[in-house]
Amino acid sequence: MTTQMTFKVEAFWDSEAEVWVATSDDVPGLVTEASTIEILAQKLRVIIPELLILNQVLISKSYSRLQLSPIQT
C-alpha cells in the first residue's frame, strides 16, 4: 500500500534575475532556481525527497516516485 503525501511548492518567475524560483513552507529549506520551468521541475524531483529525508519528514527513500502537479492560483 502506498501513502500519498502532498507538499505545496510555489514557483514564480523572477524577472530581475530572469530565473524561475521555487520555495515551500511544506518542504523545510527548499529554495531553488532555474532558467526554465522544465529544469526547475527536474531539480525539484531530486531536491524535495533529499530535503524531506534530511529534515526527517521522510524516514528513508521509501517513496516510489515524486509526482509534480502544477496548480494555477
Protein backbone atom coordinates (compact mmCIF):
# COMPACT_ATOMS: atom_id res chain seq x y z
CA MET A 1 0.00 0.00 0.00
CA THR A 2 1.29 3.44 -0.93
CA THR A 3 0.74 6.52 1.16
CA GLN A 4 0.34 9.76 -0.73
CA MET A 5 1.83 12.91 0.73
CA THR A 6 1.16 16.35 -0.70
CA PHE A 7 3.53 19.27 -0.35
CA LYS A 8 2.74 22.73 -1.70
CA VAL A 9 5.58 24.32 -3.66
CA GLU A 10 5.28 27.82 -5.06
CA ALA A 11 7.11 28.70 -8.27
CA PHE A 12 7.36 32.15 -9.79
CA TRP A 13 9.30 33.96 -12.48
CA ASP A 14 11.85 36.45 -11.11
CA SER A 15 12.08 38.97 -13.94
CA GLU A 16 15.05 40.79 -12.41
CA ALA A 17 17.20 37.63 -12.13
CA GLU A 18 15.49 36.04 -15.18
CA VAL A 19 15.01 32.68 -13.45
CA TRP A 20 12.18 30.53 -12.12
CA VAL A 21 12.26 30.33 -8.31
CA ALA A 22 10.64 27.63 -6.15
CA THR A 23 10.03 27.82 -2.41
CA SER A 24 7.86 25.93 0.05
CA ASP A 25 6.66 26.22 3.62
CA ASP A 26 5.90 22.48 3.49
CA VAL A 27 9.43 21.40 2.49
CA PRO A 28 11.91 22.84 5.01
CA GLY A 29 14.88 24.51 3.34
CA LEU A 30 13.50 24.47 -0.19
CA VAL A 31 14.68 27.44 -2.21
CA THR A 32 15.98 26.80 -5.71
CA GLU A 33 16.03 28.43 -9.11
CA ALA A 34 16.44 27.51 -12.75
CA SER A 35 16.43 29.17 -16.14
CA THR A 36 13.36 27.23 -17.36
CA ILE A 37 10.32 25.72 -15.69
CA GLU A 38 11.30 22.30 -17.09
CA ILE A 39 14.74 22.44 -15.47
CA LEU A 40 13.14 23.66 -12.25
CA ALA A 41 10.80 20.63 -12.25
CA GLN A 42 13.78 18.30 -12.78
CA LYS A 43 15.63 19.89 -9.87
CA LEU A 44 12.58 19.64 -7.62
CA ARG A 45 12.26 15.89 -8.30
CA VAL A 46 15.74 15.45 -6.79
CA ILE A 47 15.81 18.16 -4.13
CA ILE A 48 12.42 17.60 -2.48
CA PRO A 49 12.98 13.96 -1.44
CA GLU A 50 16.51 14.79 -0.24
CA LEU A 51 15.26 17.68 1.92
CA LEU A 52 12.37 15.62 3.31
CA ILE A 53 14.81 12.88 4.37
CA LEU A 54 17.36 15.35 5.79
CA ASN A 55 14.61 17.07 7.79
CA GLN A 56 13.23 13.69 8.90
CA VAL A 57 9.85 14.26 7.29
CA LEU A 58 10.50 11.01 5.41
CA ILE A 59 12.47 8.37 7.29
CA SER A 60 14.02 6.71 4.23
CA LYS A 61 13.76 6.62 0.49
CA SER A 62 10.54 4.62 0.79
CA TYR A 63 8.75 6.74 -1.78
CA SER A 64 8.27 5.18 -5.19
CA ARG A 65 8.04 8.36 -7.25
CA LEU A 66 7.59 12.07 -6.98
CA GLN A 67 4.73 13.49 -8.99
CA LEU A 68 4.62 17.20 -9.67
CA SER A 69 1.13 18.56 -10.27
CA PRO A 70 1.03 22.22 -11.25
CA ILE A 71 -1.83 24.14 -9.68
CA GLN A 72 -2.69 27.55 -11.02
CA THR A 73 -3.88 30.12 -8.50
